[in-house]
Amino acid sequence: SFNGTGKVITGISSGDDTVFGVVVQSDMKIVAAGTSTEPNGNFALARYNTNGSLDTSFGGTGIVITASGGDAQCTSVALQADGKIAVAGYSLNGSNNDFTVARYLSDSGTYSGIFPAVEFVFGTAIGSNYSIEASFDLTNWATIEANISGTGGLISRLYSIRGQAKRFFRSHQN
């Protein structure tokens, strides 16, 4: 049975740890995604074997933490058709929160750099201007596109991730 009790409690850090989403992979392993607040908000993923034990082939310990260097919250998780794990949430840009997305390989928990590009989609308001920023560590952000006019709908952009261990994107309303 699952951990012999039907439940598993996993401490990610010495602070508060919160799960916001769970997906079951095709091999029946469970991926839980959420936030670890120690020392600041970080994206956190844990993968469990069918018996409830941590899957140590995922990140080496069964746990993957993406440190933000600031306040970040992972609020959702999904599996792509190719099995990769996509997570989304928000991160503090210094004065307010911005949309943040990350993608991980399903077999090892490392960020996917196999495909040469990632699609970034964000919602907009009519009459507003937006910029898109990229980061490798959720702390240092660089504007990669500016002066995007809002349409009142979704805007999609394709960005290269070739040769990069991990890359995060966020939109910012100017």
N, C-alpha and C. Protein backbone atom coordinates (compact mmCIF):
# COMPACT_ATOMS: atom_id res chain seq x y z
N SER A 1 0.83 -1.19 0.00
CA SER A 1 0.00 0.00 0.00
C SER A 1 0.88 1.25 0.00
N PHE A 2 0.28 2.37 -0.10
CA PHE A 2 0.97 3.65 -0.18
C PHE A 2 1.50 4.03 1.20
N ASN A 3 2.80 3.82 1.42
CA ASN A 3 3.48 4.11 2.68
C ASN A 3 2.93 3.32 3.87
N GLY A 4 2.14 2.32 3.61
CA GLY A 4 1.57 1.51 4.68
C GLY A 4 0.42 2.17 5.41
N THR A 5 0.22 3.47 5.21
CA THR A 5 -0.84 4.20 5.90
C THR A 5 -1.81 4.90 4.95
N GLY A 6 -1.45 4.93 3.66
CA GLY A 6 -2.28 5.63 2.69
C GLY A 6 -1.94 7.09 2.52
N LYS A 7 -0.95 7.59 3.29
CA LYS A 7 -0.53 8.98 3.15
C LYS A 7 0.96 9.10 3.41
N VAL A 8 1.55 10.18 2.89
CA VAL A 8 2.96 10.47 3.08
C VAL A 8 3.08 11.94 3.46
N ILE A 9 3.90 12.23 4.46
CA ILE A 9 4.20 13.61 4.84
C ILE A 9 5.69 13.83 4.59
N THR A 10 6.00 14.83 3.77
CA THR A 10 7.39 15.09 3.38
C THR A 10 7.76 16.52 3.75
N GLY A 11 8.76 16.67 4.58
CA GLY A 11 9.29 18.00 4.90
C GLY A 11 10.33 18.36 3.85
N ILE A 12 10.13 19.44 3.14
CA ILE A 12 11.07 19.89 2.13
C ILE A 12 12.15 20.76 2.77
N SER A 13 11.73 21.62 3.70
CA SER A 13 12.67 22.52 4.37
C SER A 13 12.27 22.64 5.84
N SER A 14 13.00 23.49 6.56
CA SER A 14 12.65 23.71 7.96
C SER A 14 11.52 24.72 8.12
N GLY A 15 11.12 25.37 7.02
CA GLY A 15 10.01 26.32 7.03
C GLY A 15 8.73 25.66 6.57
N ASP A 16 7.78 26.49 6.15
CA ASP A 16 6.51 25.99 5.66
C ASP A 16 6.66 25.43 4.25
N ASP A 17 6.07 24.27 4.00
CA ASP A 17 6.06 23.64 2.69
C ASP A 17 4.60 23.37 2.33
N THR A 18 4.21 23.78 1.14
CA THR A 18 2.81 23.68 0.73
C THR A 18 2.71 23.08 -0.66
N VAL A 19 1.83 22.09 -0.83
CA VAL A 19 1.56 21.50 -2.14
C VAL A 19 0.36 22.21 -2.74
N PHE A 20 0.49 22.62 -4.01
CA PHE A 20 -0.61 23.27 -4.71
C PHE A 20 -1.16 22.43 -5.86
N GLY A 21 -0.43 21.39 -6.25
CA GLY A 21 -0.90 20.57 -7.36
C GLY A 21 -0.24 19.21 -7.37
N VAL A 22 -0.94 18.23 -7.92
CA VAL A 22 -0.45 16.86 -8.02
C VAL A 22 -0.81 16.32 -9.40
N VAL A 23 0.14 15.61 -10.02
CA VAL A 23 -0.13 14.91 -11.27
C VAL A 23 0.38 13.48 -11.13
N VAL A 24 -0.23 12.56 -11.86
CA VAL A 24 0.20 11.17 -11.89
C VAL A 24 0.76 10.90 -13.28
N GLN A 25 2.02 10.45 -13.32
CA GLN A 25 2.67 10.15 -14.59
C GLN A 25 2.19 8.81 -15.14
N SER A 26 2.51 8.54 -16.39
CA SER A 26 2.05 7.30 -17.04
C SER A 26 2.57 6.05 -16.33
N ASP A 27 3.71 6.15 -15.62
CA ASP A 27 4.25 5.02 -14.86
C ASP A 27 3.67 4.93 -13.45
N MET A 28 2.65 5.75 -13.19
CA MET A 28 1.91 5.81 -11.93
C MET A 28 2.69 6.48 -10.79
N LYS A 29 3.85 7.08 -11.08
CA LYS A 29 4.55 7.86 -10.07
C LYS A 29 3.82 9.18 -9.89
N ILE A 30 3.82 9.69 -8.67
CA ILE A 30 3.08 10.90 -8.32
C ILE A 30 4.05 12.06 -8.18
N VAL A 31 3.77 13.17 -8.87
CA VAL A 31 4.56 14.39 -8.74
C VAL A 31 3.73 15.42 -8.00
N ALA A 32 4.24 15.89 -6.88
CA ALA A 32 3.59 16.96 -6.11
C ALA A 32 4.40 18.23 -6.31
N ALA A 33 3.74 19.34 -6.60
CA ALA A 33 4.43 20.61 -6.82
C ALA A 33 3.84 21.67 -5.91
N GLY A 34 4.73 22.52 -5.41
CA GLY A 34 4.27 23.58 -4.53
C GLY A 34 5.40 24.52 -4.18
N THR A 35 5.39 24.96 -2.94
CA THR A 35 6.33 25.98 -2.50
C THR A 35 6.98 25.58 -1.19
N SER A 36 8.29 25.83 -1.12
CA SER A 36 9.06 25.68 0.10
C SER A 36 9.47 27.09 0.51
N THR A 37 9.16 27.50 1.72
CA THR A 37 9.36 28.90 2.11
C THR A 37 10.68 29.18 2.81
N GLU A 38 11.55 28.20 2.95
CA GLU A 38 12.80 28.42 3.67
C GLU A 38 13.97 28.45 2.71
N PRO A 39 14.80 29.47 2.57
CA PRO A 39 14.75 30.70 3.35
C PRO A 39 13.72 31.69 2.80
N ASN A 40 13.43 31.62 1.51
CA ASN A 40 12.38 32.44 0.88
C ASN A 40 11.50 31.50 0.08
N GLY A 41 10.53 32.05 -0.62
CA GLY A 41 9.67 31.21 -1.44
C GLY A 41 10.44 30.59 -2.60
N ASN A 42 10.34 29.28 -2.76
CA ASN A 42 11.00 28.54 -3.83
C ASN A 42 10.02 27.57 -4.45
N PHE A 43 10.14 27.33 -5.76
CA PHE A 43 9.39 26.26 -6.40
C PHE A 43 9.93 24.93 -5.85
N ALA A 44 9.05 24.00 -5.49
CA ALA A 44 9.47 22.70 -4.96
C ALA A 44 8.65 21.59 -5.60
N LEU A 45 9.32 20.52 -6.03
CA LEU A 45 8.67 19.35 -6.58
C LEU A 45 9.16 18.13 -5.82
N ALA A 46 8.28 17.16 -5.62
CA ALA A 46 8.64 15.87 -5.04
C ALA A 46 7.97 14.79 -5.86
N ARG A 47 8.72 13.71 -6.14
CA ARG A 47 8.11 12.60 -6.88
C ARG A 47 8.17 11.34 -6.03
N TYR A 48 7.02 10.66 -6.01
CA TYR A 48 6.84 9.47 -5.18
C TYR A 48 6.65 8.24 -6.04
N ASN A 49 7.26 7.14 -5.59
CA ASN A 49 7.03 5.84 -6.21
C ASN A 49 5.62 5.37 -5.85
N THR A 50 5.17 4.33 -6.49
CA THR A 50 3.81 3.84 -6.25
C THR A 50 3.60 3.36 -4.81
N ASN A 51 4.69 3.05 -4.10
CA ASN A 51 4.57 2.61 -2.70
C ASN A 51 4.63 3.77 -1.70
N GLY A 52 4.81 5.01 -2.22
CA GLY A 52 4.84 6.19 -1.35
C GLY A 52 6.23 6.67 -0.98
N SER A 53 7.27 5.92 -1.35
CA SER A 53 8.63 6.36 -1.05
C SER A 53 9.05 7.41 -2.08
N LEU A 54 9.98 8.29 -1.68
CA LEU A 54 10.50 9.28 -2.62
C LEU A 54 11.28 8.56 -3.71
N ASP A 55 11.11 8.99 -4.95
CA ASP A 55 11.80 8.42 -6.10
C ASP A 55 13.15 9.11 -6.25
N THR A 56 14.22 8.46 -5.79
CA THR A 56 15.54 9.08 -5.77
C THR A 56 16.15 9.26 -7.17
N SER A 57 15.52 8.74 -8.21
CA SER A 57 16.00 9.02 -9.57
C SER A 57 15.57 10.42 -10.03
N PHE A 58 14.72 11.06 -9.25
CA PHE A 58 14.21 12.40 -9.55
C PHE A 58 14.99 13.40 -8.70
N GLY A 59 15.92 14.10 -9.31
CA GLY A 59 16.72 15.10 -8.59
C GLY A 59 17.72 14.53 -7.61
N GLY A 60 17.91 13.22 -7.59
CA GLY A 60 18.88 12.59 -6.68
C GLY A 60 18.31 12.23 -5.32
N THR A 61 17.27 12.91 -4.89
CA THR A 61 16.66 12.65 -3.57
C THR A 61 15.15 12.43 -3.64
N GLY A 62 14.59 12.67 -4.82
CA GLY A 62 13.14 12.64 -4.96
C GLY A 62 12.54 14.03 -4.83
N ILE A 63 13.39 15.02 -4.51
CA ILE A 63 12.94 16.40 -4.31
C ILE A 63 13.77 17.32 -5.20
N VAL A 64 13.11 18.26 -5.87
CA VAL A 64 13.79 19.28 -6.66
C VAL A 64 13.30 20.64 -6.18
N ILE A 65 14.25 21.50 -5.81
CA ILE A 65 13.92 22.86 -5.36
C ILE A 65 14.57 23.84 -6.31
N THR A 66 13.78 24.75 -6.83
CA THR A 66 14.30 25.82 -7.68
C THR A 66 14.32 27.08 -6.83
N ALA A 67 15.52 27.44 -6.37
CA ALA A 67 15.68 28.60 -5.50
C ALA A 67 15.40 29.88 -6.28
N SER A 68 14.67 30.77 -5.66
CA SER A 68 14.31 32.01 -6.34
C SER A 68 15.14 33.19 -5.90
N GLY A 69 15.75 33.11 -4.72
CA GLY A 69 16.47 34.25 -4.19
C GLY A 69 15.53 35.33 -3.69
N GLY A 70 14.27 35.11 -3.82
CA GLY A 70 13.22 36.04 -3.40
C GLY A 70 11.95 35.25 -3.21
N ASP A 71 10.86 35.94 -3.09
CA ASP A 71 9.59 35.29 -2.84
C ASP A 71 8.99 34.73 -4.12
N ALA A 72 8.76 33.44 -4.18
CA ALA A 72 8.13 32.80 -5.33
C ALA A 72 7.16 31.74 -4.84
N GLN A 73 6.07 31.55 -5.56
CA GLN A 73 5.07 30.55 -5.21
C GLN A 73 4.75 29.73 -6.46
N CYS A 74 4.84 28.42 -6.36
CA CYS A 74 4.41 27.52 -7.42
C CYS A 74 2.98 27.14 -7.10
N THR A 75 2.06 27.45 -8.01
CA THR A 75 0.64 27.25 -7.71
C THR A 75 -0.06 26.22 -8.58
N SER A 76 0.64 25.70 -9.61
CA SER A 76 0.00 24.68 -10.44
C SER A 76 1.04 23.80 -11.11
N VAL A 77 0.61 22.61 -11.52
CA VAL A 77 1.49 21.66 -12.20
C VAL A 77 0.67 20.93 -13.26
N ALA A 78 1.33 20.60 -14.36
CA ALA A 78 0.68 19.83 -15.43
C ALA A 78 1.72 18.97 -16.12
N LEU A 79 1.25 17.89 -16.75
CA LEU A 79 2.12 17.05 -17.56
C LEU A 79 1.88 17.38 -19.02
N GLN A 80 2.96 17.58 -19.75
CA GLN A 80 2.86 17.78 -21.19
C GLN A 80 2.66 16.41 -21.85
N ALA A 81 2.25 16.41 -23.11
CA ALA A 81 2.03 15.16 -23.83
C ALA A 81 3.29 14.31 -23.89
N ASP A 82 4.47 14.95 -23.91
CA ASP A 82 5.74 14.22 -23.96
C ASP A 82 6.24 13.81 -22.58
N GLY A 83 5.47 14.06 -21.52
CA GLY A 83 5.81 13.65 -20.17
C GLY A 83 6.54 14.68 -19.34
N LYS A 84 6.99 15.76 -19.95
CA LYS A 84 7.67 16.80 -19.18
C LYS A 84 6.71 17.43 -18.18
N ILE A 85 7.27 17.95 -17.11
CA ILE A 85 6.49 18.53 -16.03
C ILE A 85 6.55 20.05 -16.15
N ALA A 86 5.40 20.68 -16.28
CA ALA A 86 5.33 22.14 -16.36
C ALA A 86 4.71 22.66 -15.07
N VAL A 87 5.34 23.68 -14.49
CA VAL A 87 4.80 24.30 -13.28
C VAL A 87 4.67 25.80 -13.52
N ALA A 88 3.73 26.40 -12.83
CA ALA A 88 3.52 27.84 -12.97
C ALA A 88 3.19 28.42 -11.60
N GLY A 89 3.43 29.71 -11.50
CA GLY A 89 3.15 30.42 -10.27
C GLY A 89 3.52 31.88 -10.44
N TYR A 90 4.10 32.44 -9.40
CA TYR A 90 4.50 33.84 -9.48
C TYR A 90 5.76 34.07 -8.65
N SER A 91 6.44 35.17 -8.99
CA SER A 91 7.64 35.55 -8.23
C SER A 91 7.67 37.06 -8.06
N LEU A 92 8.25 37.49 -6.98
CA LEU A 92 8.34 38.90 -6.65
C LEU A 92 9.41 39.57 -7.51
N ASN A 93 9.07 40.67 -8.17
CA ASN A 93 10.04 41.38 -9.00
C ASN A 93 10.65 42.57 -8.27
N GLY A 94 10.43 42.67 -6.98
CA GLY A 94 10.94 43.78 -6.19
C GLY A 94 9.83 44.63 -5.62
N SER A 95 8.76 44.82 -6.42
CA SER A 95 7.65 45.63 -5.94
C SER A 95 6.30 44.95 -6.07
N ASN A 96 6.18 43.97 -6.99
CA ASN A 96 4.93 43.22 -7.12
C ASN A 96 5.23 41.85 -7.72
N ASN A 97 4.21 41.03 -7.86
CA ASN A 97 4.39 39.67 -8.35
C ASN A 97 4.20 39.59 -9.85
N ASP A 98 4.98 38.73 -10.49
CA ASP A 98 4.88 38.46 -11.92
C ASP A 98 4.69 36.97 -12.15
N PHE A 99 4.03 36.65 -13.25
CA PHE A 99 3.77 35.31 -13.71
C PHE A 99 5.10 34.59 -13.98
N THR A 100 5.27 33.34 -13.50
CA THR A 100 6.51 32.59 -13.69
C THR A 100 6.18 31.15 -14.08
N VAL A 101 6.90 30.63 -15.09
CA VAL A 101 6.69 29.27 -15.60
C VAL A 101 8.03 28.55 -15.67
N ALA A 102 8.04 27.27 -15.32
CA ALA A 102 9.25 26.45 -15.44
C ALA A 102 8.85 25.08 -15.96
N ARG A 103 9.80 24.40 -16.62
CA ARG A 103 9.53 23.06 -17.15
C ARG A 103 10.69 22.15 -16.78
N TYR A 104 10.37 20.90 -16.37
CA TYR A 104 11.36 19.94 -15.91
C TYR A 104 11.24 18.64 -16.69
N LEU A 105 12.36 17.92 -16.82
CA LEU A 105 12.33 16.60 -17.44
C LEU A 105 11.63 15.63 -16.51
N SER A 106 10.81 14.74 -17.06
CA SER A 106 10.05 13.81 -16.23
C SER A 106 10.92 12.70 -15.65
N ASP A 107 12.04 12.36 -16.30
CA ASP A 107 12.82 11.25 -15.80
C ASP A 107 13.83 11.63 -14.72
N SER A 108 14.29 12.90 -14.71
CA SER A 108 15.35 13.26 -13.75
C SER A 108 15.02 14.48 -12.90
N GLY A 109 14.01 15.26 -13.28
CA GLY A 109 13.67 16.45 -12.53
C GLY A 109 14.47 17.66 -12.92
N THR A 110 15.37 17.53 -13.90
CA THR A 110 16.14 18.69 -14.35
C THR A 110 15.35 19.45 -15.39
N TYR A 111 15.66 20.73 -15.50
CA TYR A 111 14.96 21.57 -16.46
C TYR A 111 15.21 21.06 -17.87
N SER A 112 14.20 21.10 -18.71
CA SER A 112 14.28 20.58 -20.07
C SER A 112 15.00 21.54 -20.99
N GLY A 113 16.16 21.14 -21.47
CA GLY A 113 16.88 21.91 -22.47
C GLY A 113 17.02 21.11 -23.75
N ILE A 114 16.29 20.01 -23.85
CA ILE A 114 16.39 19.12 -25.00
C ILE A 114 15.83 19.78 -26.25
N PHE A 115 14.68 20.38 -26.14
CA PHE A 115 14.08 21.02 -27.29
C PHE A 115 14.61 22.44 -27.41
N PRO A 116 14.76 22.94 -28.62
CA PRO A 116 15.41 24.24 -28.81
C PRO A 116 14.56 25.45 -28.43
N ALA A 117 13.30 25.26 -28.11
CA ALA A 117 12.46 26.42 -27.82
C ALA A 117 11.37 26.07 -26.84
N VAL A 118 10.85 27.10 -26.19
CA VAL A 118 9.72 26.95 -25.29
C VAL A 118 8.71 28.04 -25.64
N GLU A 119 7.44 27.69 -25.57
CA GLU A 119 6.39 28.67 -25.84
C GLU A 119 5.97 29.31 -24.52
N PHE A 120 5.93 30.63 -24.50
CA PHE A 120 5.50 31.37 -23.33
C PHE A 120 4.20 32.09 -23.69
N VAL A 121 3.16 31.85 -22.91
CA VAL A 121 1.84 32.42 -23.18
C VAL A 121 1.40 33.21 -21.95
N PHE A 122 0.86 34.42 -22.18
CA PHE A 122 0.37 35.22 -21.06
C PHE A 122 -0.85 36.03 -21.49
N GLY A 123 -1.70 36.36 -20.52
CA GLY A 123 -2.90 37.13 -20.77
C GLY A 123 -2.62 38.62 -20.73
N THR A 124 -3.38 39.39 -21.51
CA THR A 124 -3.17 40.83 -21.59
C THR A 124 -4.49 41.59 -21.49
N ALA A 125 -4.37 42.87 -21.22
CA ALA A 125 -5.53 43.77 -21.18
C ALA A 125 -5.40 44.76 -22.35
N ILE A 126 -6.50 45.10 -22.95
CA ILE A 126 -6.50 46.08 -24.05
C ILE A 126 -5.97 47.41 -23.53
N GLY A 127 -5.08 48.03 -24.31
CA GLY A 127 -4.55 49.34 -23.95
C GLY A 127 -3.35 49.31 -23.02
N SER A 128 -2.94 48.13 -22.57
CA SER A 128 -1.78 48.02 -21.69
C SER A 128 -0.57 47.56 -22.49
N ASN A 129 0.61 47.96 -22.05
CA ASN A 129 1.85 47.50 -22.66
C ASN A 129 2.55 46.53 -21.72
N TYR A 130 3.25 45.56 -22.31
CA TYR A 130 3.90 44.51 -21.54
C TYR A 130 5.34 44.33 -21.99
N SER A 131 6.13 43.77 -21.09
CA SER A 131 7.47 43.32 -21.44
C SER A 131 7.60 41.88 -20.97
N ILE A 132 8.54 41.16 -21.57
CA ILE A 132 8.83 39.79 -21.17
C ILE A 132 10.25 39.76 -20.67
N GLU A 133 10.42 39.13 -19.50
CA GLU A 133 11.73 39.03 -18.88
C GLU A 133 12.11 37.56 -18.75
N ALA A 134 13.40 37.29 -18.74
CA ALA A 134 13.91 35.93 -18.59
C ALA A 134 14.93 35.90 -17.46
N SER A 135 15.03 34.72 -16.82
CA SER A 135 15.96 34.54 -15.71
C SER A 135 16.45 33.09 -15.71
N PHE A 136 17.65 32.88 -15.20
CA PHE A 136 18.17 31.53 -15.02
C PHE A 136 18.05 31.08 -13.57
N ASP A 137 17.74 32.02 -12.64
CA ASP A 137 17.73 31.68 -11.23
C ASP A 137 16.55 32.27 -10.45
N LEU A 138 15.60 32.89 -11.11
CA LEU A 138 14.44 33.54 -10.50
C LEU A 138 14.81 34.74 -9.63
N THR A 139 16.07 35.18 -9.68
CA THR A 139 16.51 36.34 -8.93
C THR A 139 16.90 37.48 -9.87
N ASN A 140 17.71 37.17 -10.85
CA ASN A 140 18.20 38.17 -11.80
C ASN A 140 17.39 38.06 -13.09
N TRP A 141 16.65 39.12 -13.41
CA TRP A 141 15.76 39.14 -14.57
C TRP A 141 16.27 40.13 -15.60
N ALA A 142 16.18 39.75 -16.87
CA ALA A 142 16.57 40.63 -17.97
C ALA A 142 15.41 40.73 -18.95
N THR A 143 15.12 41.95 -19.41
CA THR A 143 14.07 42.16 -20.39
C THR A 143 14.54 41.61 -21.73
N ILE A 144 13.74 40.72 -22.33
CA ILE A 144 14.10 40.16 -23.64
C ILE A 144 13.17 40.67 -24.74
N GLU A 145 12.05 41.27 -24.36
CA GLU A 145 11.15 41.88 -25.33
C GLU A 145 10.33 42.94 -24.60
N ALA A 146 10.15 44.11 -25.23
CA ALA A 146 9.42 45.20 -24.59
C ALA A 146 8.39 45.79 -25.56
N ASN A 147 7.54 46.66 -25.02
CA ASN A 147 6.53 47.38 -25.81
C ASN A 147 5.58 46.46 -26.56
N ILE A 148 5.10 45.42 -25.87
CA ILE A 148 4.11 44.51 -26.44
C ILE A 148 2.73 45.06 -26.09
N SER A 149 1.94 45.37 -27.09
CA SER A 149 0.61 45.94 -26.87
C SER A 149 -0.39 44.86 -26.50
N GLY A 150 -1.14 45.11 -25.42
CA GLY A 150 -2.16 44.17 -24.99
C GLY A 150 -3.32 44.09 -25.97
N THR A 151 -3.86 42.89 -26.14
CA THR A 151 -4.96 42.65 -27.08
C THR A 151 -6.27 42.32 -26.38
N GLY A 152 -6.20 42.14 -25.07
CA GLY A 152 -7.38 41.69 -24.34
C GLY A 152 -7.48 40.17 -24.34
N GLY A 153 -6.51 39.49 -24.94
CA GLY A 153 -6.49 38.04 -25.01
C GLY A 153 -5.12 37.52 -24.67
N LEU A 154 -4.84 36.30 -25.11
CA LEU A 154 -3.55 35.68 -24.85
C LEU A 154 -2.55 36.07 -25.93
N ILE A 155 -1.30 36.25 -25.52
CA ILE A 155 -0.20 36.49 -26.45
C ILE A 155 0.80 35.36 -26.26
N SER A 156 1.29 34.83 -27.36
CA SER A 156 2.22 33.72 -27.33
C SER A 156 3.55 34.12 -27.96
N ARG A 157 4.64 33.70 -27.34
CA ARG A 157 5.98 33.93 -27.87
C ARG A 157 6.78 32.64 -27.77
N LEU A 158 7.68 32.42 -28.72
CA LEU A 158 8.54 31.26 -28.73
C LEU A 158 9.97 31.72 -28.49
N TYR A 159 10.63 31.15 -27.46
CA TYR A 159 11.98 31.55 -27.10
C TYR A 159 12.91 30.34 -27.06
N SER A 160 14.13 30.54 -27.50
CA SER A 160 15.13 29.49 -27.52
C SER A 160 15.60 29.17 -26.11
N ILE A 161 15.79 27.88 -25.84
CA ILE A 161 16.36 27.44 -24.57
C ILE A 161 17.54 26.50 -24.83
N ARG A 162 18.05 26.47 -26.05
CA ARG A 162 19.14 25.57 -26.43
C ARG A 162 20.36 25.83 -25.53
N GLY A 163 20.92 24.73 -24.99
CA GLY A 163 22.14 24.80 -24.21
C GLY A 163 22.00 25.42 -22.83
N GLN A 164 20.79 25.62 -22.34
CA GLN A 164 20.58 26.25 -21.05
C GLN A 164 20.04 25.23 -20.06
N ALA A 165 20.62 25.19 -18.88
CA ALA A 165 20.20 24.23 -17.86
C ALA A 165 18.76 24.48 -17.42
N LYS A 166 18.40 25.76 -17.28
CA LYS A 166 17.03 26.13 -16.94
C LYS A 166 16.83 27.58 -17.31
N ARG A 167 15.61 27.94 -17.62
CA ARG A 167 15.29 29.32 -17.97
C ARG A 167 13.84 29.57 -17.60
N PHE A 168 13.59 30.69 -16.97
CA PHE A 168 12.26 31.06 -16.52
C PHE A 168 11.82 32.32 -17.25
N PHE A 169 10.53 32.48 -17.46
CA PHE A 169 9.98 33.65 -18.14
C PHE A 169 8.86 34.23 -17.32
N ARG A 170 8.68 35.53 -17.43
CA ARG A 170 7.55 36.20 -16.80
C ARG A 170 7.18 37.41 -17.64
N SER A 171 5.90 37.76 -17.59
CA SER A 171 5.45 38.97 -18.26
C SER A 171 5.29 40.05 -17.19
N HIS A 172 5.46 41.28 -17.64
CA HIS A 172 5.36 42.42 -16.72
C HIS A 172 4.56 43.51 -17.40
N GLN A 173 3.49 43.95 -16.74
CA GLN A 173 2.69 45.05 -17.28
C GLN A 173 3.39 46.37 -16.97
N ASN A 174 3.70 47.14 -18.03
CA ASN A 174 4.42 48.40 -17.86
C ASN A 174 3.49 49.53 -17.49
